Amino acid sequence: MYTSFVKYLLNPASLSIDVPLTFVTQFYGEDWADRKLRIYHSSGKKWVVMLKQVKCMPVLTDGWETVVSELKLQKDCLLTFLPLNHFSLHLSSYVNGVCDQSYFTINRHLRLGFTIIEDSFVQQCFEDNVVAGSYEINYKGSLWTVSTSKFNSNYVFSQGWTQLCNDLGVQEDDLLVFEKLDDVMFGLIVYRDEVEIRLSKKVESESDDDVFQIFKADYFKTFFKDIEEDDNQPTPDESQSGTVPSRTPKKVHVKETLKEGDGLHFKTMQDVSLPTLKYIYINLVMIIAYYNSCL
């Protein structure tokens, strides 16, 4: 179930603000319209608004303009809404990308290889302390160690960040909220299409114990030898006993990935009989030619 959602305040003068349909249907069900909600803020203020249907879409209205006015919310600021129960939401607003001990950023690990730490957050939460070093990123109880570095004038999470994204499936352009939990740990919330998503750490499907290496020359020597031996085995017509030989064809385990170096790395992924390898030999030659061109 979605547990929170985010919105950019595009028009502070508007009397309403859209709510993601996926959130309301998941949290409130199909009968979500005309629901009275209370909005709470960390300042202690609270307001009553209505969740209504406008042009088939859910909006917060009938009191929303008071929320914007009293909090003096600015255009394009990010708002997060966390349900406290079915009748109330907790509202947080990010000024210059920062809210208390939290900040938000957009994931750019594919394009940049890191994610930026909001500069205003560094100034507010670290002051004169050095940000460089290693930190723990806590996502739903699982920890990843990432290191900071400086890119131009910004601190960034660099080494270890791509690994976290790969392990969890964090995608490019996901909105990320980091909360400073203590001096060495950050909490992480991931939003996609304006709603918080729950990611699970991927189960490792490969182990280094299943990978072995042979050199190309040795591989082809054994490959052709095994094919020749297979061709020389008696056929039903050649057998002296007149019965079909019971010899079981040899098996080879093949991995589709070629790694750097003079050796070929194979993974015990799939059994392939040697007669079958005769027909895929030409494909293998093409792969080796491509491999050699990359060296």
C-alpha atoms as a PDB file:
ATOM      1  CA  MET A   1       0.000   0.000   0.000  1.00  0.00           C
ATOM      2  CA  TYR A   2       1.199   3.510  -0.762  1.00  0.00           C
ATOM      3  CA  THR A   3       2.029   5.281   2.480  1.00  0.00           C
ATOM      4  CA  SER A   4       2.675   8.853   1.304  1.00  0.00           C
ATOM      5  CA  PHE A   5       2.658  11.059  -1.752  1.00  0.00           C
ATOM      6  CA  VAL A   6       4.343  14.260  -2.964  1.00  0.00           C
ATOM      7  CA  LYS A   7       3.201  17.286  -4.953  1.00  0.00           C
ATOM      8  CA  TYR A   8       4.880  20.373  -6.315  1.00  0.00           C
ATOM      9  CA  LEU A   9       2.915  23.526  -5.534  1.00  0.00           C
ATOM     10  CA  LEU A  10       2.624  24.849  -9.072  1.00  0.00           C
ATOM     11  CA  ASN A  11      -0.025  27.481  -8.353  1.00  0.00           C
ATOM     12  CA  PRO A  12      -0.193  28.871  -4.798  1.00  0.00           C
ATOM     13  CA  ALA A  13      -3.294  30.913  -5.722  1.00  0.00           C
ATOM     14  CA  SER A  14      -5.279  27.820  -6.624  1.00  0.00           C
ATOM     15  CA  LEU A  15      -8.164  26.825  -4.356  1.00  0.00           C
ATOM     16  CA  SER A  16      -7.232  23.143  -4.666  1.00  0.00           C
ATOM     17  CA  ILE A  17      -4.354  20.758  -5.253  1.00  0.00           C
ATOM     18  CA  ASP A  18      -4.432  17.457  -7.131  1.00  0.00           C
ATOM     19  CA  VAL A  19      -3.942  14.157  -5.338  1.00  0.00           C
ATOM     20  CA  PRO A  20      -2.534  11.089  -7.176  1.00  0.00           C
ATOM     21  CA  LEU A  21      -5.415   8.797  -8.112  1.00  0.00           C
ATOM     22  CA  THR A  22      -3.280   5.731  -7.416  1.00  0.00           C
ATOM     23  CA  PHE A  23      -2.828   6.918  -3.837  1.00  0.00           C
ATOM     24  CA  VAL A  24      -6.502   7.551  -3.039  1.00  0.00           C
ATOM     25  CA  THR A  25      -7.717   4.296  -4.578  1.00  0.00           C
ATOM     26  CA  GLN A  26      -5.077   2.273  -2.756  1.00  0.00           C
ATOM     27  CA  PHE A  27      -5.557   4.035   0.579  1.00  0.00           C
ATOM     28  CA  TYR A  28      -9.255   4.873   0.614  1.00  0.00           C
ATOM     29  CA  GLY A  29     -10.684   2.429  -1.908  1.00  0.00           C
ATOM     30  CA  GLU A  30     -13.095   3.282  -4.710  1.00  0.00           C
ATOM     31  CA  ASP A  31     -15.418   5.252  -2.407  1.00  0.00           C
ATOM     32  CA  TRP A  32     -12.982   8.097  -1.733  1.00  0.00           C
ATOM     33  CA  ALA A  33     -14.920  11.184  -2.864  1.00  0.00           C
ATOM     34  CA  ASP A  34     -16.432  13.789  -0.489  1.00  0.00           C
ATOM     35  CA  ARG A  35     -14.217  12.845   2.421  1.00  0.00           C
ATOM     36  CA  LYS A  36     -13.417  15.356   5.174  1.00  0.00           C
ATOM     37  CA  LEU A  37      -9.748  15.326   6.159  1.00  0.00           C
ATOM     38  CA  ARG A  38      -7.609  17.126   8.717  1.00  0.00           C
ATOM     39  CA  ILE A  39      -4.161  18.358   7.737  1.00  0.00           C
ATOM     40  CA  TYR A  40      -1.513  18.621  10.471  1.00  0.00           C
ATOM     41  CA  HIS A  41       1.790  20.492  10.327  1.00  0.00           C
ATOM     42  CA  SER A  42       4.903  20.318  12.515  1.00  0.00           C
ATOM     43  CA  SER A  43       4.262  23.946  13.551  1.00  0.00           C
ATOM     44  CA  GLY A  44       1.226  22.712  15.493  1.00  0.00           C
ATOM     45  CA  LYS A  45      -1.275  24.164  13.061  1.00  0.00           C
ATOM     46  CA  LYS A  46      -4.113  22.083  11.641  1.00  0.00           C
ATOM     47  CA  TRP A  47      -6.806  22.609   9.041  1.00  0.00           C
ATOM     48  CA  VAL A  48      -9.922  20.904   7.704  1.00  0.00           C
ATOM     49  CA  VAL A  49     -10.132  20.285   3.940  1.00  0.00           C
ATOM     50  CA  MET A  50     -12.288  18.196   1.648  1.00  0.00           C
ATOM     51  CA  LEU A  51     -11.170  15.415  -0.666  1.00  0.00           C
ATOM     52  CA  LYS A  52     -13.424  15.828  -3.686  1.00  0.00           C
ATOM     53  CA  GLN A  53     -13.760  14.593  -7.231  1.00  0.00           C
ATOM     54  CA  VAL A  54     -13.230  17.224  -9.921  1.00  0.00           C
ATOM     55  CA  LYS A  55     -13.306  16.075 -13.549  1.00  0.00           C
ATOM     56  CA  CYS A  56     -12.955  12.487 -12.340  1.00  0.00           C
ATOM     57  CA  MET A  57      -9.752  13.327 -10.445  1.00  0.00           C
ATOM     58  CA  PRO A  58      -9.241  13.687  -6.665  1.00  0.00           C
ATOM     59  CA  VAL A  59      -8.345  17.108  -5.264  1.00  0.00           C
ATOM     60  CA  LEU A  60      -7.937  18.677  -1.834  1.00  0.00           C
ATOM     61  CA  THR A  61     -10.168  21.758  -1.667  1.00  0.00           C
ATOM     62  CA  ASP A  62     -12.582  23.698   0.589  1.00  0.00           C
ATOM     63  CA  GLY A  63      -9.888  24.983   2.935  1.00  0.00           C
ATOM     64  CA  TRP A  64      -6.736  24.308   0.940  1.00  0.00           C
ATOM     65  CA  GLU A  65      -6.183  28.004   0.207  1.00  0.00           C
ATOM     66  CA  THR A  66      -6.031  28.634   3.974  1.00  0.00           C
ATOM     67  CA  VAL A  67      -3.265  26.038   4.329  1.00  0.00           C
ATOM     68  CA  VAL A  68      -1.209  27.752   1.606  1.00  0.00           C
ATOM     69  CA  SER A  69      -1.809  31.206   3.057  1.00  0.00           C
ATOM     70  CA  GLU A  70      -0.999  30.452   6.686  1.00  0.00           C
ATOM     71  CA  LEU A  71       2.157  28.496   5.841  1.00  0.00           C
ATOM     72  CA  LYS A  72       3.159  31.079   3.218  1.00  0.00           C
ATOM     73  CA  LEU A  73       3.964  28.319   0.778  1.00  0.00           C
ATOM     74  CA  GLN A  74       5.915  29.406  -2.286  1.00  0.00           C
ATOM     75  CA  LYS A  75       5.518  28.394  -5.909  1.00  0.00           C
ATOM     76  CA  ASP A  76       7.258  25.136  -6.901  1.00  0.00           C
ATOM     77  CA  CYS A  77       7.998  24.061  -3.328  1.00  0.00           C
ATOM     78  CA  LEU A  78       7.711  20.333  -2.701  1.00  0.00           C
ATOM     79  CA  LEU A  79       4.971  19.085  -0.378  1.00  0.00           C
ATOM     80  CA  THR A  80       4.817  15.622   1.183  1.00  0.00           C
ATOM     81  CA  PHE A  81       1.592  14.168   2.574  1.00  0.00           C
ATOM     82  CA  LEU A  82       1.781  11.306   5.060  1.00  0.00           C
ATOM     83  CA  PRO A  83      -1.498   9.655   6.131  1.00  0.00           C
ATOM     84  CA  LEU A  84      -1.860   9.467   9.915  1.00  0.00           C
ATOM     85  CA  ASN A  85      -5.116   7.552   9.592  1.00  0.00           C
ATOM     86  CA  HIS A  86      -8.071   7.507   7.201  1.00  0.00           C
ATOM     87  CA  PHE A  87      -9.137  10.984   8.318  1.00  0.00           C
ATOM     88  CA  SER A  88      -5.898  12.991   8.580  1.00  0.00           C
ATOM     89  CA  LEU A  89      -2.673  13.817   6.726  1.00  0.00           C
ATOM     90  CA  HIS A  90       0.628  15.218   7.960  1.00  0.00           C
ATOM     91  CA  LEU A  91       1.986  17.914   5.648  1.00  0.00           C
ATOM     92  CA  SER A  92       5.672  18.774   5.249  1.00  0.00           C
ATOM     93  CA  SER A  93       6.953  21.567   3.010  1.00  0.00           C
ATOM     94  CA  TYR A  94      10.466  21.782   1.566  1.00  0.00           C
ATOM     95  CA  VAL A  95      11.941  25.276   1.337  1.00  0.00           C
ATOM     96  CA  ASN A  96      15.002  25.417  -0.928  1.00  0.00           C
ATOM     97  CA  GLY A  97      14.854  21.637  -1.013  1.00  0.00           C
ATOM     98  CA  VAL A  98      15.098  21.246   2.778  1.00  0.00           C
ATOM     99  CA  CYS A  99      12.629  20.450   5.554  1.00  0.00           C
ATOM    100  CA  ASP A 100      14.075  20.175   9.086  1.00  0.00           C
ATOM    101  CA  GLN A 101      16.616  17.313   8.898  1.00  0.00           C
ATOM    102  CA  SER A 102      15.462  16.146   5.452  1.00  0.00           C
ATOM    103  CA  TYR A 103      16.111  17.137   1.860  1.00  0.00           C
ATOM    104  CA  PHE A 104      14.972  15.897  -1.524  1.00  0.00           C
ATOM    105  CA  THR A 105      16.795  15.331  -4.794  1.00  0.00           C
ATOM    106  CA  ILE A 106      16.230  13.611  -8.131  1.00  0.00           C
ATOM    107  CA  ASN A 107      18.122  10.406  -8.828  1.00  0.00           C
ATOM    108  CA  ARG A 108      20.669  10.739 -11.628  1.00  0.00           C
ATOM    109  CA  HIS A 109      22.857   7.696 -11.092  1.00  0.00           C
ATOM    110  CA  LEU A 110      22.767   6.559 -14.739  1.00  0.00           C
ATOM    111  CA  ARG A 111      23.737   9.934 -16.169  1.00  0.00           C
ATOM    112  CA  LEU A 112      26.035  11.144 -13.406  1.00  0.00           C
ATOM    113  CA  GLY A 113      26.997   8.089 -11.356  1.00  0.00           C
ATOM    114  CA  PHE A 114      26.037   9.829  -8.123  1.00  0.00           C
ATOM    115  CA  THR A 115      23.216  11.718  -6.409  1.00  0.00           C
ATOM    116  CA  ILE A 116      23.539  15.305  -5.227  1.00  0.00           C
ATOM    117  CA  ILE A 117      23.297  16.328  -1.583  1.00  0.00           C
ATOM    118  CA  GLU A 118      21.323  19.563  -1.447  1.00  0.00           C
ATOM    119  CA  ASP A 119      23.723  22.420  -0.683  1.00  0.00           C
ATOM    120  CA  SER A 120      21.251  24.245   1.571  1.00  0.00           C
ATOM    121  CA  PHE A 121      20.876  21.007   3.564  1.00  0.00           C
ATOM    122  CA  VAL A 122      24.655  20.789   4.036  1.00  0.00           C
ATOM    123  CA  GLN A 123      24.771  24.383   5.267  1.00  0.00           C
ATOM    124  CA  GLN A 124      21.832  23.909   7.627  1.00  0.00           C
ATOM    125  CA  CYS A 125      22.559  20.454   9.061  1.00  0.00           C
ATOM    126  CA  PHE A 126      26.352  20.217   8.939  1.00  0.00           C
ATOM    127  CA  GLU A 127      27.356  23.863   9.374  1.00  0.00           C
ATOM    128  CA  ASP A 128      31.167  23.865   9.690  1.00  0.00           C
ATOM    129  CA  ASN A 129      31.491  20.081   9.939  1.00  0.00           C
ATOM    130  CA  VAL A 130      33.169  18.219   7.101  1.00  0.00           C
ATOM    131  CA  VAL A 131      30.650  16.261   5.018  1.00  0.00           C
ATOM    132  CA  ALA A 132      33.243  14.082   3.279  1.00  0.00           C
ATOM    133  CA  GLY A 133      33.378  10.487   4.472  1.00  0.00           C
ATOM    134  CA  SER A 134      31.267   7.326   4.528  1.00  0.00           C
ATOM    135  CA  TYR A 135      27.636   7.117   5.594  1.00  0.00           C
ATOM    136  CA  GLU A 136      25.042   4.404   6.053  1.00  0.00           C
ATOM    137  CA  ILE A 137      21.870   4.643   3.969  1.00  0.00           C
ATOM    138  CA  ASN A 138      18.976   2.946   5.762  1.00  0.00           C
ATOM    139  CA  TYR A 139      16.125   1.775   3.541  1.00  0.00           C
ATOM    140  CA  LYS A 140      13.408  -0.107   5.422  1.00  0.00           C
ATOM    141  CA  GLY A 141      15.980  -1.628   7.796  1.00  0.00           C
ATOM    142  CA  SER A 142      18.556  -2.611   5.161  1.00  0.00           C
ATOM    143  CA  LEU A 143      21.875  -0.735   5.140  1.00  0.00           C
ATOM    144  CA  TRP A 144      24.231   0.352   2.361  1.00  0.00           C
ATOM    145  CA  THR A 145      27.547   2.128   2.839  1.00  0.00           C
ATOM    146  CA  VAL A 146      28.122   5.064   0.494  1.00  0.00           C
ATOM    147  CA  SER A 147      30.903   7.614   0.342  1.00  0.00           C
ATOM    148  CA  THR A 148      30.668  11.323  -0.329  1.00  0.00           C
ATOM    149  CA  SER A 149      32.829  13.352  -2.645  1.00  0.00           C
ATOM    150  CA  LYS A 150      32.691  16.831  -4.114  1.00  0.00           C
ATOM    151  CA  PHE A 151      31.537  17.555  -7.640  1.00  0.00           C
ATOM    152  CA  ASN A 152      31.944  21.195  -8.643  1.00  0.00           C
ATOM    153  CA  SER A 153      30.501  23.029  -5.619  1.00  0.00           C
ATOM    154  CA  ASN A 154      28.201  20.233  -4.425  1.00  0.00           C
ATOM    155  CA  TYR A 155      28.726  17.267  -2.181  1.00  0.00           C
ATOM    156  CA  VAL A 156      27.409  14.037  -3.682  1.00  0.00           C
ATOM    157  CA  PHE A 157      26.842  10.430  -2.680  1.00  0.00           C
ATOM    158  CA  SER A 158      29.175   8.654  -5.090  1.00  0.00           C
ATOM    159  CA  GLN A 159      30.946   5.379  -4.319  1.00  0.00           C
ATOM    160  CA  GLY A 160      28.381   2.758  -3.348  1.00  0.00           C
ATOM    161  CA  TRP A 161      25.371   4.705  -4.611  1.00  0.00           C
ATOM    162  CA  THR A 162      25.048   2.873  -7.941  1.00  0.00           C
ATOM    163  CA  GLN A 163      25.218  -0.439  -6.052  1.00  0.00           C
ATOM    164  CA  LEU A 164      22.305   0.647  -3.845  1.00  0.00           C
ATOM    165  CA  CYS A 165      20.273   1.637  -6.909  1.00  0.00           C
ATOM    166  CA  ASN A 166      20.973  -1.704  -8.580  1.00  0.00           C
ATOM    167  CA  ASP A 167      20.185  -3.694  -5.434  1.00  0.00           C
ATOM    168  CA  LEU A 168      16.849  -1.958  -4.815  1.00  0.00           C
ATOM    169  CA  GLY A 169      15.801  -1.116  -8.353  1.00  0.00           C
ATOM    170  CA  VAL A 170      15.867   2.653  -7.787  1.00  0.00           C
ATOM    171  CA  GLN A 171      15.292   4.164 -11.217  1.00  0.00           C
ATOM    172  CA  GLU A 172      16.552   7.232 -12.989  1.00  0.00           C
ATOM    173  CA  ASP A 173      14.435  10.319 -12.173  1.00  0.00           C
ATOM    174  CA  ASP A 174      12.924   8.793  -9.033  1.00  0.00           C
ATOM    175  CA  LEU A 175      12.399  11.474  -6.381  1.00  0.00           C
ATOM    176  CA  LEU A 176      14.443  10.734  -3.258  1.00  0.00           C
ATOM    177  CA  VAL A 177      13.955  12.065   0.250  1.00  0.00           C
ATOM    178  CA  PHE A 178      16.915  11.705   2.621  1.00  0.00           C
ATOM    179  CA  GLU A 179      16.519  12.204   6.352  1.00  0.00           C
ATOM    180  CA  LYS A 180      19.540  12.655   8.594  1.00  0.00           C
ATOM    181  CA  LEU A 181      19.004  10.124  11.398  1.00  0.00           C
ATOM    182  CA  ASP A 182      22.324  10.736  13.146  1.00  0.00           C
ATOM    183  CA  ASP A 183      25.879  11.779  12.301  1.00  0.00           C
ATOM    184  CA  VAL A 184      26.570   8.716  10.149  1.00  0.00           C
ATOM    185  CA  MET A 185      23.170   7.482   8.933  1.00  0.00           C
ATOM    186  CA  PHE A 186      20.485   8.672   6.525  1.00  0.00           C
ATOM    187  CA  GLY A 187      16.993   7.303   6.023  1.00  0.00           C
ATOM    188  CA  LEU A 188      15.737   7.020   2.435  1.00  0.00           C
ATOM    189  CA  ILE A 189      12.245   7.291   0.915  1.00  0.00           C
ATOM    190  CA  VAL A 190      11.704   6.698  -2.820  1.00  0.00           C
ATOM    191  CA  TYR A 191       8.866   8.302  -4.806  1.00  0.00           C
ATOM    192  CA  ARG A 192       7.828   7.386  -8.323  1.00  0.00           C
ATOM    193  CA  ASP A 193       4.971   9.091 -10.162  1.00  0.00           C
ATOM    194  CA  GLU A 194       4.314  11.143  -6.993  1.00  0.00           C
ATOM    195  CA  VAL A 195       3.686   8.179  -4.693  1.00  0.00           C
ATOM    196  CA  GLU A 196       6.010   6.413  -2.277  1.00  0.00           C
ATOM    197  CA  ILE A 197       6.992   2.983  -3.504  1.00  0.00           C
ATOM    198  CA  ARG A 198       8.153  -0.049  -1.537  1.00  0.00           C
ATOM    199  CA  LEU A 199      11.275  -1.644  -2.958  1.00  0.00           C
ATOM    200  CA  SER A 200      12.817  -4.949  -1.943  1.00  0.00           C
ATOM    201  CA  LYS A 201      16.470  -5.850  -2.034  1.00  0.00           C
ATOM    202  CA  LYS A 202      17.116  -8.128  -4.974  1.00  0.00           C
ATOM    203  CA  VAL A 203      18.093 -11.704  -4.173  1.00  0.00           C
ATOM    204  CA  GLU A 204      21.528 -12.531  -5.493  1.00  0.00           C
ATOM    205  CA  SER A 205      21.041 -14.944  -8.391  1.00  0.00           C
ATOM    206  CA  GLU A 206      24.687 -15.567  -9.124  1.00  0.00           C
ATOM    207  CA  SER A 207      27.595 -16.671  -6.974  1.00  0.00           C
ATOM    208  CA  ASP A 208      31.266 -16.418  -7.781  1.00  0.00           C
ATOM    209  CA  ASP A 209      31.547 -20.070  -6.757  1.00  0.00           C
ATOM    210  CA  ASP A 210      29.577 -20.991  -9.902  1.00  0.00           C
ATOM    211  CA  VAL A 211      31.950 -19.150 -12.245  1.00  0.00           C
ATOM    212  CA  PHE A 212      35.123 -20.649 -13.589  1.00  0.00           C
ATOM    213  CA  GLN A 213      37.722 -19.467 -16.103  1.00  0.00           C
ATOM    214  CA  ILE A 214      39.557 -21.227 -18.905  1.00  0.00           C
ATOM    215  CA  PHE A 215      41.815 -19.755 -21.538  1.00  0.00           C
ATOM    216  CA  LYS A 216      40.560 -19.483 -25.107  1.00  0.00           C
ATOM    217  CA  ALA A 217      43.188 -21.825 -26.537  1.00  0.00           C
ATOM    218  CA  ASP A 218      42.377 -24.533 -23.992  1.00  0.00           C
ATOM    219  CA  TYR A 219      38.642 -24.067 -24.527  1.00  0.00           C
ATOM    220  CA  PHE A 220      38.778 -24.547 -28.316  1.00  0.00           C
ATOM    221  CA  LYS A 221      41.193 -27.491 -27.985  1.00  0.00           C
ATOM    222  CA  THR A 222      38.783 -29.284 -25.669  1.00  0.00           C
ATOM    223  CA  PHE A 223      35.767 -28.164 -27.700  1.00  0.00           C
ATOM    224  CA  PHE A 224      36.975 -29.680 -30.984  1.00  0.00           C
ATOM    225  CA  LYS A 225      38.298 -32.798 -29.230  1.00  0.00           C
ATOM    226  CA  ASP A 226      34.903 -33.478 -27.651  1.00  0.00           C
ATOM    227  CA  ILE A 227      33.099 -32.958 -30.963  1.00  0.00           C
ATOM    228  CA  GLU A 228      35.500 -35.341 -32.694  1.00  0.00           C
ATOM    229  CA  GLU A 229      35.005 -37.960 -29.965  1.00  0.00           C
ATOM    230  CA  ASP A 230      31.264 -37.560 -30.288  1.00  0.00           C
ATOM    231  CA  ASP A 231      31.471 -38.053 -34.069  1.00  0.00           C
ATOM    232  CA  ASN A 232      33.526 -41.233 -33.639  1.00  0.00           C
ATOM    233  CA  GLN A 233      31.036 -42.928 -31.344  1.00  0.00           C
ATOM    234  CA  PRO A 234      29.364 -46.032 -32.804  1.00  0.00           C
ATOM    235  CA  THR A 235      26.033 -45.522 -34.575  1.00  0.00           C
ATOM    236  CA  PRO A 236      23.256 -48.125 -34.442  1.00  0.00           C
ATOM    237  CA  ASP A 237      24.501 -49.565 -37.751  1.00  0.00           C
ATOM    238  CA  GLU A 238      28.146 -49.753 -36.575  1.00  0.00           C
ATOM    239  CA  SER A 239      27.459 -51.457 -33.243  1.00  0.00           C
ATOM    240  CA  GLN A 240      28.616 -55.068 -33.165  1.00  0.00           C
ATOM    241  CA  SER A 241      25.867 -56.059 -30.807  1.00  0.00           C
ATOM    242  CA  GLY A 242      23.225 -54.554 -33.055  1.00  0.00           C
ATOM    243  CA  THR A 243      21.893 -52.427 -30.213  1.00  0.00           C
ATOM    244  CA  VAL A 244      21.962 -48.678 -29.860  1.00  0.00           C
ATOM    245  CA  PRO A 245      24.902 -47.581 -27.679  1.00  0.00           C
ATOM    246  CA  SER A 246      23.852 -46.183 -24.341  1.00  0.00           C
ATOM    247  CA  ARG A 247      26.535 -43.505 -24.237  1.00  0.00           C
ATOM    248  CA  THR A 248      25.250 -40.226 -22.761  1.00  0.00           C
ATOM    249  CA  PRO A 249      26.425 -37.139 -24.684  1.00  0.00           C
ATOM    250  CA  LYS A 250      28.760 -34.888 -22.809  1.00  0.00           C
ATOM    251  CA  LYS A 251      27.387 -31.646 -21.419  1.00  0.00           C
ATOM    252  CA  VAL A 252      28.911 -28.192 -21.380  1.00  0.00           C
ATOM    253  CA  HIS A 253      27.727 -25.339 -19.163  1.00  0.00           C
ATOM    254  CA  VAL A 254      27.733 -22.036 -20.988  1.00  0.00           C
ATOM    255  CA  LYS A 255      27.517 -18.451 -19.713  1.00  0.00           C
ATOM    256  CA  GLU A 256      26.536 -15.669 -22.068  1.00  0.00           C
ATOM    257  CA  THR A 257      28.901 -13.034 -20.617  1.00  0.00           C
ATOM    258  CA  LEU A 258      32.486 -12.551 -21.774  1.00  0.00           C
ATOM    259  CA  LYS A 259      34.741 -10.679 -19.360  1.00  0.00           C
ATOM    260  CA  GLU A 260      38.023  -8.825 -19.799  1.00  0.00           C
ATOM    261  CA  GLY A 261      41.312 -10.670 -20.142  1.00  0.00           C
ATOM    262  CA  ASP A 262      42.534 -13.553 -22.270  1.00  0.00           C
ATOM    263  CA  GLY A 263      40.276 -15.980 -20.459  1.00  0.00           C
ATOM    264  CA  LEU A 264      36.669 -16.832 -21.206  1.00  0.00           C
ATOM    265  CA  HIS A 265      34.370 -16.925 -18.164  1.00  0.00           C
ATOM    266  CA  PHE A 266      31.499 -19.377 -18.134  1.00  0.00           C
ATOM    267  CA  LYS A 267      28.524 -19.737 -15.805  1.00  0.00           C
ATOM    268  CA  THR A 268      26.836 -23.017 -14.972  1.00  0.00           C
ATOM    269  CA  MET A 269      23.488 -21.777 -16.243  1.00  0.00           C
ATOM    270  CA  GLN A 270      22.288 -24.285 -18.802  1.00  0.00           C
ATOM    271  CA  ASP A 271      23.236 -27.785 -19.961  1.00  0.00           C
ATOM    272  CA  VAL A 272      23.929 -27.996 -23.706  1.00  0.00           C
ATOM    273  CA  SER A 273      24.797 -31.285 -25.419  1.00  0.00           C
ATOM    274  CA  LEU A 274      27.805 -31.311 -27.734  1.00  0.00           C
ATOM    275  CA  PRO A 275      25.839 -32.257 -30.872  1.00  0.00           C
ATOM    276  CA  THR A 276      23.758 -29.141 -30.276  1.00  0.00           C
ATOM    277  CA  LEU A 277      26.926 -27.077 -29.932  1.00  0.00           C
ATOM    278  CA  LYS A 278      27.840 -28.002 -33.516  1.00  0.00           C
ATOM    279  CA  TYR A 279      24.914 -25.972 -34.758  1.00  0.00           C
ATOM    280  CA  ILE A 280      25.625 -22.964 -32.553  1.00  0.00           C
ATOM    281  CA  TYR A 281      29.349 -23.005 -33.261  1.00  0.00           C
ATOM    282  CA  ILE A 282      29.075 -20.274 -35.881  1.00  0.00           C
ATOM    283  CA  ASN A 283      27.349 -18.036 -33.318  1.00  0.00           C
ATOM    284  CA  LEU A 284      30.137 -18.707 -30.845  1.00  0.00           C
ATOM    285  CA  VAL A 285      32.742 -17.710 -33.424  1.00  0.00           C
ATOM    286  CA  MET A 286      30.900 -14.422 -33.960  1.00  0.00           C
ATOM    287  CA  ILE A 287      30.884 -13.768 -30.206  1.00  0.00           C
ATOM    288  CA  ILE A 288      34.612 -14.477 -29.932  1.00  0.00           C
ATOM    289  CA  ALA A 289      35.323 -12.167 -32.880  1.00  0.00           C
ATOM    290  CA  TYR A 290      33.404  -9.389 -31.149  1.00  0.00           C
ATOM    291  CA  TYR A 291      35.216 -10.163 -27.878  1.00  0.00           C
ATOM    292  CA  ASN A 292      38.621  -9.881 -29.603  1.00  0.00           C
ATOM    293  CA  SER A 293      37.643  -6.563 -31.206  1.00  0.00           C
ATOM    294  CA  CYS A 294      36.961  -5.112 -27.757  1.00  0.00           C
ATOM    295  CA  LEU A 295      40.385  -6.007 -26.358  1.00  0.00           C
END
